[in-house]
Amino acid sequence: MNRNLLETVMGAVVIVVAVIFLVFAYHSAELRTTAGYPLSAKFDHIDGVRDGADVRLSGIKVGSIVATSLDPKTFQAVVKLTIDDAVKLPVDTIATITQNGLLGDQYMSLVPGASDKMVAAGGELSYTQSAPSLMSLFGQAVFSMSGGNKPADGGAGAPAPSQGAASSNLVPKLDGGTPPAK
């Protein structure tokens, strides 16, 4: 009987410690949404941004992304967010999608402008910058390191159109041989 009581007490202690850890993790991670006034912003693409993501100003969380949707007319991503009531943003504030480190979560970063006029509740941030695509940045880096615009076969390549090249010189080589005769 004494052993069963000891096991029950130890189980209860483990459960209490687990609950305390979860409460601490929830409060320190700031996963809760921020109450405040609503705003929206439109982006060309918002790769990796999810509902509940942070909105930060100078690296400090001042809001949360509430919802994301697609504008059927412009095909832009519409991001709905809330901003803390204590933070008033100028109308020329820039909203940028960025991420924590190389593989971190995406969030929205705000850079306030210099305007004296503030964005009203329910307003829209007009100046936005979409998230950079990690794969396109990687492709640009690899392309720039491989010599840029030099052809792979070591040839001279076709002159740029601004240098007076005729359009017949730009016929693609499908089989690696010479272009078809005229």
C-alpha atoms as a PDB file:
ATOM      1  CA  MET A   1       0.000   0.000   0.000  1.00  0.00           C
ATOM      2  CA  ASN A   2       2.882   2.349   0.846  1.00  0.00           C
ATOM      3  CA  ARG A   3       4.413   1.786  -2.607  1.00  0.00           C
ATOM      4  CA  ASN A   4       1.146   2.660  -4.416  1.00  0.00           C
ATOM      5  CA  LEU A   5       0.873   5.898  -2.437  1.00  0.00           C
ATOM      6  CA  LEU A   6       4.467   6.828  -3.306  1.00  0.00           C
ATOM      7  CA  GLU A   7       3.872   6.163  -7.023  1.00  0.00           C
ATOM      8  CA  THR A   8       0.697   8.268  -6.968  1.00  0.00           C
ATOM      9  CA  VAL A   9       2.443  11.193  -5.289  1.00  0.00           C
ATOM     10  CA  MET A  10       5.371  11.030  -7.734  1.00  0.00           C
ATOM     11  CA  GLY A  11       2.963  10.943 -10.691  1.00  0.00           C
ATOM     12  CA  ALA A  12       1.136  14.006  -9.354  1.00  0.00           C
ATOM     13  CA  VAL A  13       4.450  15.856  -8.893  1.00  0.00           C
ATOM     14  CA  VAL A  14       5.465  15.067 -12.490  1.00  0.00           C
ATOM     15  CA  ILE A  15       2.111  16.350 -13.801  1.00  0.00           C
ATOM     16  CA  VAL A  16       2.373  19.575 -11.756  1.00  0.00           C
ATOM     17  CA  VAL A  17       5.930  20.202 -12.998  1.00  0.00           C
ATOM     18  CA  ALA A  18       4.812  19.598 -16.603  1.00  0.00           C
ATOM     19  CA  VAL A  19       1.936  22.079 -16.261  1.00  0.00           C
ATOM     20  CA  ILE A  20       4.252  24.699 -14.734  1.00  0.00           C
ATOM     21  CA  PHE A  21       6.705  24.195 -17.613  1.00  0.00           C
ATOM     22  CA  LEU A  22       3.949  24.590 -20.247  1.00  0.00           C
ATOM     23  CA  VAL A  23       2.635  27.782 -18.613  1.00  0.00           C
ATOM     24  CA  PHE A  24       6.164  29.215 -18.457  1.00  0.00           C
ATOM     25  CA  ALA A  25       6.850  28.297 -22.100  1.00  0.00           C
ATOM     26  CA  TYR A  26       3.558  29.871 -23.233  1.00  0.00           C
ATOM     27  CA  HIS A  27       4.276  33.151 -21.451  1.00  0.00           C
ATOM     28  CA  SER A  28       7.917  33.411 -22.490  1.00  0.00           C
ATOM     29  CA  ALA A  29       7.239  32.545 -26.151  1.00  0.00           C
ATOM     30  CA  GLU A  30       4.591  35.285 -26.498  1.00  0.00           C
ATOM     31  CA  LEU A  31       2.376  33.046 -28.622  1.00  0.00           C
ATOM     32  CA  ARG A  32      -0.786  34.893 -27.717  1.00  0.00           C
ATOM     33  CA  THR A  33      -2.265  37.419 -30.111  1.00  0.00           C
ATOM     34  CA  THR A  34      -2.039  41.108 -29.312  1.00  0.00           C
ATOM     35  CA  ALA A  35      -5.237  43.047 -28.662  1.00  0.00           C
ATOM     36  CA  GLY A  36      -5.413  46.404 -30.374  1.00  0.00           C
ATOM     37  CA  TYR A  37      -6.662  48.168 -33.462  1.00  0.00           C
ATOM     38  CA  PRO A  38      -7.000  46.369 -36.822  1.00  0.00           C
ATOM     39  CA  LEU A  39      -4.947  47.168 -39.931  1.00  0.00           C
ATOM     40  CA  SER A  40      -4.357  45.464 -43.256  1.00  0.00           C
ATOM     41  CA  ALA A  41      -1.552  45.304 -45.805  1.00  0.00           C
ATOM     42  CA  LYS A  42      -1.274  43.842 -49.315  1.00  0.00           C
ATOM     43  CA  PHE A  43       1.774  41.923 -50.528  1.00  0.00           C
ATOM     44  CA  ASP A  44       2.767  40.248 -53.806  1.00  0.00           C
ATOM     45  CA  HIS A  45       3.588  37.076 -51.862  1.00  0.00           C
ATOM     46  CA  ILE A  46       3.870  36.146 -48.192  1.00  0.00           C
ATOM     47  CA  ASP A  47       5.729  32.837 -48.325  1.00  0.00           C
ATOM     48  CA  GLY A  48       5.738  31.157 -44.920  1.00  0.00           C
ATOM     49  CA  VAL A  49       3.701  33.741 -42.981  1.00  0.00           C
ATOM     50  CA  ARG A  50       0.964  32.177 -40.878  1.00  0.00           C
ATOM     51  CA  ASP A  51      -1.855  33.402 -38.686  1.00  0.00           C
ATOM     52  CA  GLY A  52      -0.608  34.331 -35.214  1.00  0.00           C
ATOM     53  CA  ALA A  53       2.840  35.434 -36.440  1.00  0.00           C
ATOM     54  CA  ASP A  54       4.446  38.446 -34.774  1.00  0.00           C
ATOM     55  CA  VAL A  55       4.330  42.033 -35.985  1.00  0.00           C
ATOM     56  CA  ARG A  56       7.485  43.755 -34.725  1.00  0.00           C
ATOM     57  CA  LEU A  57       8.697  47.317 -34.533  1.00  0.00           C
ATOM     58  CA  SER A  58      12.425  47.724 -33.760  1.00  0.00           C
ATOM     59  CA  GLY A  59      12.500  44.015 -32.894  1.00  0.00           C
ATOM     60  CA  ILE A  60       9.769  44.315 -30.260  1.00  0.00           C
ATOM     61  CA  LYS A  61       6.414  42.597 -30.671  1.00  0.00           C
ATOM     62  CA  VAL A  62       3.704  45.252 -31.129  1.00  0.00           C
ATOM     63  CA  GLY A  63       1.049  43.181 -32.837  1.00  0.00           C
ATOM     64  CA  SER A  64      -0.051  39.918 -34.405  1.00  0.00           C
ATOM     65  CA  ILE A  65      -1.146  38.692 -37.803  1.00  0.00           C
ATOM     66  CA  VAL A  66      -4.793  37.728 -37.450  1.00  0.00           C
ATOM     67  CA  ALA A  67      -5.635  36.369 -40.910  1.00  0.00           C
ATOM     68  CA  THR A  68      -4.319  36.020 -44.444  1.00  0.00           C
ATOM     69  CA  SER A  69      -6.381  35.874 -47.620  1.00  0.00           C
ATOM     70  CA  LEU A  70      -6.184  36.435 -51.372  1.00  0.00           C
ATOM     71  CA  ASP A  71      -7.660  39.485 -53.088  1.00  0.00           C
ATOM     72  CA  PRO A  72      -9.536  37.957 -56.071  1.00  0.00           C
ATOM     73  CA  LYS A  73      -9.203  41.122 -58.172  1.00  0.00           C
ATOM     74  CA  THR A  74      -5.496  41.935 -57.780  1.00  0.00           C
ATOM     75  CA  PHE A  75      -4.305  38.436 -56.774  1.00  0.00           C
ATOM     76  CA  GLN A  76      -2.312  39.968 -53.936  1.00  0.00           C
ATOM     77  CA  ALA A  77      -2.061  38.483 -50.468  1.00  0.00           C
ATOM     78  CA  VAL A  78      -4.059  40.477 -47.920  1.00  0.00           C
ATOM     79  CA  VAL A  79      -2.720  40.350 -44.360  1.00  0.00           C
ATOM     80  CA  LYS A  80      -5.006  41.400 -41.509  1.00  0.00           C
ATOM     81  CA  LEU A  81      -3.179  42.375 -38.330  1.00  0.00           C
ATOM     82  CA  THR A  82      -3.746  43.994 -34.977  1.00  0.00           C
ATOM     83  CA  ILE A  83      -1.449  46.614 -33.488  1.00  0.00           C
ATOM     84  CA  ASP A  84      -1.206  47.472 -29.786  1.00  0.00           C
ATOM     85  CA  ASP A  85      -3.310  50.555 -28.963  1.00  0.00           C
ATOM     86  CA  ALA A  86      -0.269  52.301 -27.452  1.00  0.00           C
ATOM     87  CA  VAL A  87       1.562  52.203 -30.821  1.00  0.00           C
ATOM     88  CA  LYS A  88       0.454  54.777 -33.389  1.00  0.00           C
ATOM     89  CA  LEU A  89       1.936  54.290 -36.871  1.00  0.00           C
ATOM     90  CA  PRO A  90       2.539  57.037 -39.462  1.00  0.00           C
ATOM     91  CA  VAL A  91       0.782  56.575 -42.831  1.00  0.00           C
ATOM     92  CA  ASP A  92       4.136  56.088 -44.595  1.00  0.00           C
ATOM     93  CA  THR A  93       5.112  53.094 -42.439  1.00  0.00           C
ATOM     94  CA  ILE A  94       6.791  50.280 -44.384  1.00  0.00           C
ATOM     95  CA  ALA A  95       5.671  46.706 -43.696  1.00  0.00           C
ATOM     96  CA  THR A  96       8.182  44.005 -44.624  1.00  0.00           C
ATOM     97  CA  ILE A  97       7.940  40.229 -44.392  1.00  0.00           C
ATOM     98  CA  THR A  98      11.160  38.862 -42.907  1.00  0.00           C
ATOM     99  CA  GLN A  99      12.346  35.893 -40.876  1.00  0.00           C
ATOM    100  CA  ASN A 100      14.302  34.957 -37.772  1.00  0.00           C
ATOM    101  CA  GLY A 101      17.646  33.707 -39.039  1.00  0.00           C
ATOM    102  CA  LEU A 102      18.164  31.417 -42.013  1.00  0.00           C
ATOM    103  CA  LEU A 103      15.540  28.826 -41.106  1.00  0.00           C
ATOM    104  CA  GLY A 104      13.428  30.793 -38.612  1.00  0.00           C
ATOM    105  CA  ASP A 105       9.748  31.688 -38.631  1.00  0.00           C
ATOM    106  CA  GLN A 106       8.436  34.487 -40.830  1.00  0.00           C
ATOM    107  CA  TYR A 107       7.114  37.660 -39.227  1.00  0.00           C
ATOM    108  CA  MET A 108       6.169  41.196 -40.241  1.00  0.00           C
ATOM    109  CA  SER A 109       8.603  43.989 -39.495  1.00  0.00           C
ATOM    110  CA  LEU A 110       7.410  47.602 -39.415  1.00  0.00           C
ATOM    111  CA  VAL A 111       9.593  50.625 -40.148  1.00  0.00           C
ATOM    112  CA  PRO A 112       7.760  53.827 -39.194  1.00  0.00           C
ATOM    113  CA  GLY A 113       7.851  56.738 -41.597  1.00  0.00           C
ATOM    114  CA  ALA A 114       8.199  60.452 -40.915  1.00  0.00           C
ATOM    115  CA  SER A 115       4.635  61.574 -41.636  1.00  0.00           C
ATOM    116  CA  ASP A 116       2.682  63.511 -39.021  1.00  0.00           C
ATOM    117  CA  LYS A 117      -0.540  61.787 -40.102  1.00  0.00           C
ATOM    118  CA  MET A 118      -1.265  58.423 -38.425  1.00  0.00           C
ATOM    119  CA  VAL A 119      -2.942  55.322 -39.860  1.00  0.00           C
ATOM    120  CA  ALA A 120      -6.528  55.102 -38.618  1.00  0.00           C
ATOM    121  CA  ALA A 121      -7.977  51.935 -37.108  1.00  0.00           C
ATOM    122  CA  GLY A 122      -9.126  49.677 -39.941  1.00  0.00           C
ATOM    123  CA  GLY A 123      -6.732  51.430 -42.335  1.00  0.00           C
ATOM    124  CA  GLU A 124      -4.194  49.930 -44.719  1.00  0.00           C
ATOM    125  CA  LEU A 125      -0.406  50.066 -44.757  1.00  0.00           C
ATOM    126  CA  SER A 126       0.343  51.176 -48.319  1.00  0.00           C
ATOM    127  CA  TYR A 127       4.086  50.586 -48.415  1.00  0.00           C
ATOM    128  CA  THR A 128       4.914  46.876 -48.319  1.00  0.00           C
ATOM    129  CA  GLN A 129       7.797  44.617 -49.274  1.00  0.00           C
ATOM    130  CA  SER A 130       7.257  40.907 -49.873  1.00  0.00           C
ATOM    131  CA  ALA A 131       9.300  38.127 -48.377  1.00  0.00           C
ATOM    132  CA  PRO A 132      12.441  37.265 -50.319  1.00  0.00           C
ATOM    133  CA  SER A 133      12.353  33.751 -51.730  1.00  0.00           C
ATOM    134  CA  LEU A 134      15.191  31.738 -50.225  1.00  0.00           C
ATOM    135  CA  MET A 135      15.473  29.606 -53.367  1.00  0.00           C
ATOM    136  CA  SER A 136      15.687  32.612 -55.711  1.00  0.00           C
ATOM    137  CA  LEU A 137      18.355  34.210 -53.503  1.00  0.00           C
ATOM    138  CA  PHE A 138      20.299  30.940 -53.534  1.00  0.00           C
ATOM    139  CA  GLY A 139      19.957  30.728 -57.332  1.00  0.00           C
ATOM    140  CA  GLN A 140      21.203  34.292 -57.761  1.00  0.00           C
ATOM    141  CA  ALA A 141      24.212  33.586 -55.544  1.00  0.00           C
ATOM    142  CA  VAL A 142      25.111  30.433 -57.455  1.00  0.00           C
ATOM    143  CA  PHE A 143      24.612  32.159 -60.819  1.00  0.00           C
ATOM    144  CA  SER A 144      26.766  35.139 -59.841  1.00  0.00           C
ATOM    145  CA  MET A 145      29.563  32.857 -58.582  1.00  0.00           C
ATOM    146  CA  SER A 146      29.561  30.803 -61.785  1.00  0.00           C
ATOM    147  CA  GLY A 147      30.505  33.749 -63.954  1.00  0.00           C
ATOM    148  CA  GLY A 148      27.149  35.368 -64.610  1.00  0.00           C
ATOM    149  CA  ASN A 149      26.261  35.632 -68.283  1.00  0.00           C
ATOM    150  CA  LYS A 150      29.032  33.505 -69.811  1.00  0.00           C
ATOM    151  CA  PRO A 151      27.737  30.569 -71.858  1.00  0.00           C
ATOM    152  CA  ALA A 152      28.421  27.086 -70.518  1.00  0.00           C
ATOM    153  CA  ASP A 153      30.126  25.908 -73.748  1.00  0.00           C
ATOM    154  CA  GLY A 154      32.878  28.536 -73.482  1.00  0.00           C
ATOM    155  CA  GLY A 155      31.782  30.337 -76.680  1.00  0.00           C
ATOM    156  CA  ALA A 156      31.560  34.050 -77.188  1.00  0.00           C
ATOM    157  CA  GLY A 157      27.760  34.116 -76.845  1.00  0.00           C
ATOM    158  CA  ALA A 158      25.311  36.345 -78.631  1.00  0.00           C
ATOM    159  CA  PRO A 159      25.700  40.102 -78.287  1.00  0.00           C
ATOM    160  CA  ALA A 160      23.165  41.879 -76.121  1.00  0.00           C
ATOM    161  CA  PRO A 161      20.195  43.380 -78.011  1.00  0.00           C
ATOM    162  CA  SER A 162      21.300  46.875 -76.979  1.00  0.00           C
ATOM    163  CA  GLN A 163      24.508  46.315 -78.963  1.00  0.00           C
ATOM    164  CA  GLY A 164      22.665  46.002 -82.265  1.00  0.00           C
ATOM    165  CA  ALA A 165      22.180  42.229 -82.442  1.00  0.00           C
ATOM    166  CA  ALA A 166      19.669  41.026 -84.992  1.00  0.00           C
ATOM    167  CA  SER A 167      16.900  38.812 -83.709  1.00  0.00           C
ATOM    168  CA  SER A 168      18.040  35.959 -86.013  1.00  0.00           C
ATOM    169  CA  ASN A 169      21.263  35.667 -83.964  1.00  0.00           C
ATOM    170  CA  LEU A 170      19.184  34.748 -80.911  1.00  0.00           C
ATOM    171  CA  VAL A 171      17.853  31.396 -82.209  1.00  0.00           C
ATOM    172  CA  PRO A 172      18.214  28.764 -79.473  1.00  0.00           C
ATOM    173  CA  LYS A 173      20.436  25.746 -79.986  1.00  0.00           C
ATOM    174  CA  LEU A 174      18.269  22.755 -79.153  1.00  0.00           C
ATOM    175  CA  ASP A 175      20.715  19.933 -79.870  1.00  0.00           C
ATOM    176  CA  GLY A 176      23.943  21.731 -78.988  1.00  0.00           C
ATOM    177  CA  GLY A 177      24.819  22.163 -82.669  1.00  0.00           C
ATOM    178  CA  THR A 178      24.666  25.184 -84.918  1.00  0.00           C
ATOM    179  CA  PRO A 179      21.492  27.211 -85.362  1.00  0.00           C
ATOM    180  CA  PRO A 180      19.287  26.357 -88.372  1.00  0.00           C
ATOM    181  CA  ALA A 181      20.131  28.070 -91.668  1.00  0.00           C
ATOM    182  CA  LYS A 182      17.909  30.816 -92.968  1.00  0.00           C
END
